[in-house]
Amino acid sequence: MTFVSDATSTDPLGRFSAADILERTEAVLRDRFARIATVAELEAEDRASGGDAAGTRTEVAASAG
């Protein structure tokens, strides 16, 4: 699983700010259950592979009509 940190949000809970919760969540997931990545990292990987995360290229054609 890839946890995309800058595509995730939450609300504060008690004495914990949203940033605190995100930081703790990443600490629990990192190297155990998930890889932590940013949107920019995933986009770079996608460009390098020439397509989507599964390694296949998706193209969208638009026609003038």
PDB file of N, CA and C in Angstrom:
ATOM      1  N   MET A   1       0.838  -1.164   0.000  1.00  0.00           N
ATOM      2  CA  MET A   1       0.000   0.000   0.000  1.00  0.00           C
ATOM      3  C   MET A   1       0.886   1.231   0.000  1.00  0.00           C
ATOM      4  N   THR A   2       0.464   2.248  -0.698  1.00  0.00           N
ATOM      5  CA  THR A   2       1.162   3.526  -0.687  1.00  0.00           C
ATOM      6  C   THR A   2       0.280   4.559  -0.003  1.00  0.00           C
ATOM      7  N   PHE A   3       0.790   5.150   1.047  1.00  0.00           N
ATOM      8  CA  PHE A   3       0.096   6.214   1.776  1.00  0.00           C
ATOM      9  C   PHE A   3       0.619   7.532   1.216  1.00  0.00           C
ATOM     10  N   VAL A   4      -0.263   8.296   0.588  1.00  0.00           N
ATOM     11  CA  VAL A   4       0.133   9.546  -0.052  1.00  0.00           C
ATOM     12  C   VAL A   4      -0.113  10.686   0.929  1.00  0.00           C
ATOM     13  N   SER A   5       0.948  11.099   1.585  1.00  0.00           N
ATOM     14  CA  SER A   5       0.833  12.022   2.715  1.00  0.00           C
ATOM     15  C   SER A   5       0.220  13.367   2.359  1.00  0.00           C
ATOM     16  N   ASP A   6       0.586  13.940   1.214  1.00  0.00           N
ATOM     17  CA  ASP A   6       0.046  15.255   0.894  1.00  0.00           C
ATOM     18  C   ASP A   6      -1.294  15.183   0.162  1.00  0.00           C
ATOM     19  N   ALA A   7      -1.856  13.975   0.062  1.00  0.00           N
ATOM     20  CA  ALA A   7      -3.196  13.811  -0.492  1.00  0.00           C
ATOM     21  C   ALA A   7      -4.145  13.296   0.590  1.00  0.00           C
ATOM     22  N   THR A   8      -3.719  13.436   1.828  1.00  0.00           N
ATOM     23  CA  THR A   8      -4.476  12.945   2.973  1.00  0.00           C
ATOM     24  C   THR A   8      -4.721  14.092   3.932  1.00  0.00           C
ATOM     25  N   SER A   9      -5.907  14.111   4.486  1.00  0.00           N
ATOM     26  CA  SER A   9      -6.189  15.137   5.493  1.00  0.00           C
ATOM     27  C   SER A   9      -6.994  14.533   6.632  1.00  0.00           C
ATOM     28  N   THR A  10      -7.033  15.234   7.717  1.00  0.00           N
ATOM     29  CA  THR A  10      -7.807  14.812   8.872  1.00  0.00           C
ATOM     30  C   THR A  10      -8.151  16.044   9.688  1.00  0.00           C
ATOM     31  N   ASP A  11      -8.948  15.862  10.687  1.00  0.00           N
ATOM     32  CA  ASP A  11      -9.303  16.943  11.596  1.00  0.00           C
ATOM     33  C   ASP A  11      -8.559  16.757  12.909  1.00  0.00           C
ATOM     34  N   PRO A  12      -8.332  17.844  13.631  1.00  0.00           N
ATOM     35  CA  PRO A  12      -7.712  17.716  14.954  1.00  0.00           C
ATOM     36  C   PRO A  12      -8.571  16.822  15.853  1.00  0.00           C
ATOM     37  N   LEU A  13      -7.928  16.184  16.789  1.00  0.00           N
ATOM     38  CA  LEU A  13      -8.634  15.310  17.724  1.00  0.00           C
ATOM     39  C   LEU A  13      -8.070  15.541  19.113  1.00  0.00           C
ATOM     40  N   GLY A  14      -8.885  16.120  19.973  1.00  0.00           N
ATOM     41  CA  GLY A  14      -8.420  16.407  21.326  1.00  0.00           C
ATOM     42  C   GLY A  14      -7.222  17.333  21.300  1.00  0.00           C
ATOM     43  N   ARG A  15      -6.165  16.913  21.943  1.00  0.00           N
ATOM     44  CA  ARG A  15      -4.962  17.750  22.004  1.00  0.00           C
ATOM     45  C   ARG A  15      -4.041  17.576  20.803  1.00  0.00           C
ATOM     46  N   PHE A  16      -4.429  16.714  19.865  1.00  0.00           N
ATOM     47  CA  PHE A  16      -3.598  16.443  18.695  1.00  0.00           C
ATOM     48  C   PHE A  16      -4.067  17.271  17.501  1.00  0.00           C
ATOM     49  N   SER A  17      -3.145  17.999  16.902  1.00  0.00           N
ATOM     50  CA  SER A  17      -3.457  18.754  15.684  1.00  0.00           C
ATOM     51  C   SER A  17      -3.538  17.777  14.510  1.00  0.00           C
ATOM     52  N   ALA A  18      -4.080  18.238  13.405  1.00  0.00           N
ATOM     53  CA  ALA A  18      -4.140  17.411  12.205  1.00  0.00           C
ATOM     54  C   ALA A  18      -2.733  16.988  11.781  1.00  0.00           C
ATOM     55  N   ALA A  19      -1.773  17.905  11.873  1.00  0.00           N
ATOM     56  CA  ALA A  19      -0.383  17.586  11.509  1.00  0.00           C
ATOM     57  C   ALA A  19       0.187  16.511  12.427  1.00  0.00           C
ATOM     58  N   ASP A  20      -0.121  16.592  13.726  1.00  0.00           N
ATOM     59  CA  ASP A  20       0.338  15.567  14.681  1.00  0.00           C
ATOM     60  C   ASP A  20      -0.208  14.192  14.306  1.00  0.00           C
ATOM     61  N   ILE A  21      -1.485  14.139  13.975  1.00  0.00           N
ATOM     62  CA  ILE A  21      -2.120  12.868  13.636  1.00  0.00           C
ATOM     63  C   ILE A  21      -1.508  12.290  12.365  1.00  0.00           C
ATOM     64  N   LEU A  22      -1.304  13.120  11.372  1.00  0.00           N
ATOM     65  CA  LEU A  22      -0.689  12.654  10.135  1.00  0.00           C
ATOM     66  C   LEU A  22       0.729  12.142  10.376  1.00  0.00           C
ATOM     67  N   GLU A  23       1.487  12.881  11.172  1.00  0.00           N
ATOM     68  CA  GLU A  23       2.861  12.466  11.482  1.00  0.00           C
ATOM     69  C   GLU A  23       2.880  11.123  12.201  1.00  0.00           C
ATOM     70  N   ARG A  24       2.004  10.944  13.150  1.00  0.00           N
ATOM     71  CA  ARG A  24       1.945   9.675  13.891  1.00  0.00           C
ATOM     72  C   ARG A  24       1.464   8.534  12.993  1.00  0.00           C
ATOM     73  N   THR A  25       0.510   8.823  12.132  1.00  0.00           N
ATOM     74  CA  THR A  25       0.022   7.802  11.207  1.00  0.00           C
ATOM     75  C   THR A  25       1.143   7.330  10.292  1.00  0.00           C
ATOM     76  N   GLU A  26       1.903   8.268   9.751  1.00  0.00           N
ATOM     77  CA  GLU A  26       3.034   7.900   8.891  1.00  0.00           C
ATOM     78  C   GLU A  26       4.060   7.076   9.662  1.00  0.00           C
ATOM     79  N   ALA A  27       4.317   7.444  10.907  1.00  0.00           N
ATOM     80  CA  ALA A  27       5.297   6.709  11.716  1.00  0.00           C
ATOM     81  C   ALA A  27       4.857   5.260  11.931  1.00  0.00           C
ATOM     82  N   VAL A  28       3.569   5.047  12.129  1.00  0.00           N
ATOM     83  CA  VAL A  28       3.058   3.688  12.339  1.00  0.00           C
ATOM     84  C   VAL A  28       3.089   2.882  11.046  1.00  0.00           C
ATOM     85  N   LEU A  29       2.742   3.501   9.938  1.00  0.00           N
ATOM     86  CA  LEU A  29       2.671   2.791   8.667  1.00  0.00           C
ATOM     87  C   LEU A  29       4.018   2.549   8.015  1.00  0.00           C
ATOM     88  N   ARG A  30       4.934   3.515   8.152  1.00  0.00           N
ATOM     89  CA  ARG A  30       6.231   3.472   7.461  1.00  0.00           C
ATOM     90  C   ARG A  30       6.978   2.177   7.773  1.00  0.00           C
ATOM     91  N   ASP A  31       7.404   1.511   6.727  1.00  0.00           N
ATOM     92  CA  ASP A  31       8.222   0.299   6.800  1.00  0.00           C
ATOM     93  C   ASP A  31       7.530  -0.873   7.490  1.00  0.00           C
ATOM     94  N   ARG A  32       6.240  -0.744   7.772  1.00  0.00           N
ATOM     95  CA  ARG A  32       5.495  -1.863   8.340  1.00  0.00           C
ATOM     96  C   ARG A  32       4.416  -2.315   7.369  1.00  0.00           C
ATOM     97  N   PHE A  33       3.500  -1.390   7.094  1.00  0.00           N
ATOM     98  CA  PHE A  33       2.344  -1.721   6.281  1.00  0.00           C
ATOM     99  C   PHE A  33       2.287  -0.944   4.978  1.00  0.00           C
ATOM    100  N   ALA A  34       3.037   0.136   4.873  1.00  0.00           N
ATOM    101  CA  ALA A  34       2.887   1.000   3.704  1.00  0.00           C
ATOM    102  C   ALA A  34       4.184   1.712   3.370  1.00  0.00           C
ATOM    103  N   ARG A  35       4.222   2.137   2.143  1.00  0.00           N
ATOM    104  CA  ARG A  35       5.271   3.035   1.689  1.00  0.00           C
ATOM    105  C   ARG A  35       4.684   4.439   1.778  1.00  0.00           C
ATOM    106  N   ILE A  36       5.441   5.395   2.269  1.00  0.00           N
ATOM    107  CA  ILE A  36       4.993   6.782   2.365  1.00  0.00           C
ATOM    108  C   ILE A  36       5.524   7.518   1.140  1.00  0.00           C
ATOM    109  N   ALA A  37       4.636   8.213   0.429  1.00  0.00           N
ATOM    110  CA  ALA A  37       5.034   8.941  -0.769  1.00  0.00           C
ATOM    111  C   ALA A  37       4.250  10.239  -0.859  1.00  0.00           C
ATOM    112  N   THR A  38       4.721  11.109  -1.735  1.00  0.00           N
ATOM    113  CA  THR A  38       4.016  12.354  -2.019  1.00  0.00           C
ATOM    114  C   THR A  38       3.408  12.255  -3.418  1.00  0.00           C
ATOM    115  N   VAL A  39       2.497  13.147  -3.714  1.00  0.00           N
ATOM    116  CA  VAL A  39       1.911  13.191  -5.050  1.00  0.00           C
ATOM    117  C   VAL A  39       3.006  13.390  -6.097  1.00  0.00           C
ATOM    118  N   ALA A  40       3.944  14.291  -5.835  1.00  0.00           N
ATOM    119  CA  ALA A  40       5.029  14.555  -6.787  1.00  0.00           C
ATOM    120  C   ALA A  40       5.868  13.302  -7.039  1.00  0.00           C
ATOM    121  N   GLU A  41       6.143  12.538  -6.003  1.00  0.00           N
ATOM    122  CA  GLU A  41       6.913  11.302  -6.182  1.00  0.00           C
ATOM    123  C   GLU A  41       6.158  10.303  -7.056  1.00  0.00           C
ATOM    124  N   LEU A  42       4.864  10.171  -6.821  1.00  0.00           N
ATOM    125  CA  LEU A  42       4.063   9.246  -7.622  1.00  0.00           C
ATOM    126  C   LEU A  42       3.961   9.703  -9.071  1.00  0.00           C
ATOM    127  N   GLU A  43       3.817  11.009  -9.280  1.00  0.00           N
ATOM    128  CA  GLU A  43       3.779  11.533 -10.649  1.00  0.00           C
ATOM    129  C   GLU A  43       5.097  11.272 -11.362  1.00  0.00           C
ATOM    130  N   ALA A  44       6.210  11.451 -10.671  1.00  0.00           N
ATOM    131  CA  ALA A  44       7.521  11.190 -11.271  1.00  0.00           C
ATOM    132  C   ALA A  44       7.675   9.720 -11.625  1.00  0.00           C
ATOM    133  N   GLU A  45       7.217   8.842 -10.756  1.00  0.00           N
ATOM    134  CA  GLU A  45       7.267   7.404 -11.039  1.00  0.00           C
ATOM    135  C   GLU A  45       6.398   7.063 -12.240  1.00  0.00           C
ATOM    136  N   ASP A  46       5.241   7.693 -12.301  1.00  0.00           N
ATOM    137  CA  ASP A  46       4.324   7.464 -13.411  1.00  0.00           C
ATOM    138  C   ASP A  46       4.957   7.895 -14.730  1.00  0.00           C
ATOM    139  N   ARG A  47       5.559   9.079 -14.740  1.00  0.00           N
ATOM    140  CA  ARG A  47       6.227   9.565 -15.960  1.00  0.00           C
ATOM    141  C   ARG A  47       7.370   8.635 -16.355  1.00  0.00           C
ATOM    142  N   ALA A  48       8.136   8.172 -15.372  1.00  0.00           N
ATOM    143  CA  ALA A  48       9.278   7.304 -15.651  1.00  0.00           C
ATOM    144  C   ALA A  48       8.836   5.964 -16.233  1.00  0.00           C
ATOM    145  N   SER A  49       7.672   5.485 -15.819  1.00  0.00           N
ATOM    146  CA  SER A  49       7.193   4.193 -16.318  1.00  0.00           C
ATOM    147  C   SER A  49       6.404   4.339 -17.609  1.00  0.00           C
ATOM    148  N   GLY A  50       6.106   5.582 -17.988  1.00  0.00           N
ATOM    149  CA  GLY A  50       5.376   5.817 -19.223  1.00  0.00           C
ATOM    150  C   GLY A  50       3.887   5.567 -19.127  1.00  0.00           C
ATOM    151  N   GLY A  51       3.358   5.526 -17.911  1.00  0.00           N
ATOM    152  CA  GLY A  51       1.929   5.280 -17.787  1.00  0.00           C
ATOM    153  C   GLY A  51       1.447   5.399 -16.363  1.00  0.00           C
ATOM    154  N   ASP A  52       0.416   4.634 -16.070  1.00  0.00           N
ATOM    155  CA  ASP A  52      -0.143   4.680 -14.720  1.00  0.00           C
ATOM    156  C   ASP A  52       0.678   3.817 -13.772  1.00  0.00           C
ATOM    157  N   ALA A  53       0.270   3.755 -12.528  1.00  0.00           N
ATOM    158  CA  ALA A  53       1.025   3.042 -11.493  1.00  0.00           C
ATOM    159  C   ALA A  53       1.169   1.554 -11.800  1.00  0.00           C
ATOM    160  N   ALA A  54       0.270   0.990 -12.587  1.00  0.00           N
ATOM    161  CA  ALA A  54       0.351  -0.422 -12.943  1.00  0.00           C
ATOM    162  C   ALA A  54       1.322  -0.662 -14.094  1.00  0.00           C
ATOM    163  N   GLY A  55       1.885   0.429 -14.628  1.00  0.00           N
ATOM    164  CA  GLY A  55       2.859   0.291 -15.696  1.00  0.00           C
ATOM    165  C   GLY A  55       2.255   0.288 -17.089  1.00  0.00           C
ATOM    166  N   THR A  56       0.963   0.571 -17.182  1.00  0.00           N
ATOM    167  CA  THR A  56       0.344   0.656 -18.496  1.00  0.00           C
ATOM    168  C   THR A  56       0.039   2.103 -18.797  1.00  0.00           C
ATOM    169  N   ARG A  57       0.122   2.446 -20.041  1.00  0.00           N
ATOM    170  CA  ARG A  57      -0.088   3.841 -20.424  1.00  0.00           C
ATOM    171  C   ARG A  57      -1.552   4.073 -20.754  1.00  0.00           C
ATOM    172  N   THR A  58      -2.090   5.131 -20.182  1.00  0.00           N
ATOM    173  CA  THR A  58      -3.459   5.515 -20.458  1.00  0.00           C
ATOM    174  C   THR A  58      -3.447   6.821 -21.232  1.00  0.00           C
ATOM    175  N   GLU A  59      -4.076   6.814 -22.383  1.00  0.00           N
ATOM    176  CA  GLU A  59      -4.110   8.025 -23.215  1.00  0.00           C
ATOM    177  C   GLU A  59      -5.557   8.468 -23.379  1.00  0.00           C
ATOM    178  N   VAL A  60      -5.752   9.758 -23.379  1.00  0.00           N
ATOM    179  CA  VAL A  60      -7.069  10.329 -23.577  1.00  0.00           C
ATOM    180  C   VAL A  60      -7.031  11.152 -24.851  1.00  0.00           C
ATOM    181  N   ALA A  61      -7.887  10.827 -25.773  1.00  0.00           N
ATOM    182  CA  ALA A  61      -7.958  11.569 -27.042  1.00  0.00           C
ATOM    183  C   ALA A  61      -9.191  12.450 -27.027  1.00  0.00           C
ATOM    184  N   ALA A  62      -9.009  13.694 -27.418  1.00  0.00           N
ATOM    185  CA  ALA A  62     -10.126  14.611 -27.504  1.00  0.00           C
ATOM    186  C   ALA A  62     -10.373  14.934 -28.959  1.00  0.00           C
ATOM    187  N   SER A  63     -11.629  14.920 -29.336  1.00  0.00           N
ATOM    188  CA  SER A  63     -11.942  15.265 -30.735  1.00  0.00           C
ATOM    189  C   SER A  63     -12.758  16.549 -30.755  1.00  0.00           C
ATOM    190  N   ALA A  64     -12.479  17.360 -31.743  1.00  0.00           N
ATOM    191  CA  ALA A  64     -13.237  18.602 -31.915  1.00  0.00           C
ATOM    192  C   ALA A  64     -14.570  18.248 -32.552  1.00  0.00           C
ATOM    193  N   GLY A  65     -15.649  18.809 -32.010  1.00  0.00           N
ATOM    194  CA  GLY A  65     -16.894  18.381 -32.566  1.00  0.00           C
ATOM    195  C   GLY A  65     -17.866  19.411 -32.680  1.00  0.00           C
TER     196      GLY A  65
END
